Protein backbone atom coordinates (compact mmCIF):
# COMPACT_ATOMS: atom_id res chain seq x y z
CA MET A 1 134.75 -6.17 -132.44
CA LEU A 2 135.61 -9.75 -134.01
CA ASP A 3 133.71 -12.38 -133.27
CA GLY A 4 136.73 -15.22 -134.08
CA SER A 5 134.96 -16.62 -136.60
CA ASN A 6 137.89 -15.85 -139.02
CA ASP A 7 140.46 -14.89 -137.17
CA SER A 8 144.17 -16.29 -137.44
CA ALA A 9 145.59 -15.37 -134.27
CA ALA A 10 144.95 -16.99 -131.06
CA SER A 11 142.66 -15.43 -129.17
CA PHE A 12 139.32 -16.59 -127.23
CA PHE A 13 136.98 -15.81 -129.69
CA GLN A 14 139.34 -18.32 -132.40
CA GLU A 15 139.70 -21.50 -130.39
CA TYR A 16 135.93 -21.17 -128.82
CA ASN A 17 134.81 -20.99 -133.16
CA PHE A 18 137.57 -22.83 -134.35
CA LYS A 19 137.49 -26.01 -131.51
CA LEU A 20 135.33 -25.37 -128.93
CA LYS A 21 132.10 -24.80 -130.99
CA ASN A 22 132.05 -28.28 -132.92
CA VAL A 23 133.16 -30.44 -130.22
CA TYR A 24 129.89 -31.70 -129.23
CA GLU A 25 129.24 -34.07 -132.04
CA LYS A 26 132.27 -35.75 -131.57
CA PHE A 27 131.79 -38.29 -128.30
CA TYR A 28 131.37 -41.79 -129.25
CA THR A 29 129.99 -43.42 -126.35
CA ASN A 30 126.60 -42.47 -124.99
CA ARG A 31 127.36 -41.42 -121.47
CA ALA A 32 129.86 -39.07 -123.20
CA LYS A 33 127.52 -37.36 -125.34
CA ILE A 34 124.09 -37.19 -122.64
CA ILE A 35 127.42 -35.06 -120.66
CA ALA A 36 128.37 -33.12 -124.40
CA GLU A 37 124.85 -31.43 -124.74
CA GLU A 38 124.36 -31.01 -121.11
CA ARG A 39 127.50 -28.85 -121.39
CA ARG A 40 126.80 -27.13 -124.85
CA LYS A 41 124.56 -24.41 -123.23
CA ALA A 42 126.19 -23.02 -121.23
CA SER A 43 129.47 -22.84 -123.55
CA ILE A 44 127.29 -21.22 -125.83
CA ASP A 45 125.70 -19.22 -122.79
CA PHE A 46 129.26 -17.91 -121.89
CA TYR A 47 130.91 -17.21 -125.60
CA GLN A 48 127.91 -15.25 -126.21
CA SER A 49 127.78 -13.41 -122.80
CA MET A 50 131.21 -12.34 -123.54
CA LEU A 51 131.50 -11.35 -126.80
CA ASN A 52 128.83 -9.00 -125.93
CA GLU A 53 130.18 -7.63 -123.34
CA VAL A 54 133.65 -7.14 -125.40
CA LYS A 55 131.57 -5.37 -127.98
CA ALA A 56 130.94 -3.49 -124.98
CA ILE A 57 132.90 -2.54 -124.18
CA HIS A 58 134.78 -1.75 -127.36
CA ILE A 59 131.68 0.54 -128.14
CA ILE A 60 131.91 2.57 -125.24
CA GLY A 61 135.94 3.31 -125.60
CA LYS A 62 135.28 4.29 -129.91
CA GLU A 63 132.71 6.76 -128.88
CA ARG A 64 134.92 8.05 -125.77
CA LEU A 65 138.00 7.90 -128.52
CA GLU A 66 135.89 9.75 -130.94
CA SER A 67 134.31 12.26 -128.31
CA VAL A 68 138.53 13.30 -127.24
CA PHE A 69 139.53 13.95 -131.05
CA GLU A 70 136.26 16.10 -131.96
């Protein structure tokens, strides 16, 4: 299961790693920087939650397929 860090095809994980992950350092005003920093943890938590969920489903699916073909 890929986390999007080396993907070239569009996906949520690829978009997060190439666009959203580093957007928080690019705000100019002090207020924008404060708001961005407040949102950073929620963004990271959401990414990790989605990645963990997809990985778990991938592992379960792989195990089920292997049991079918044994």
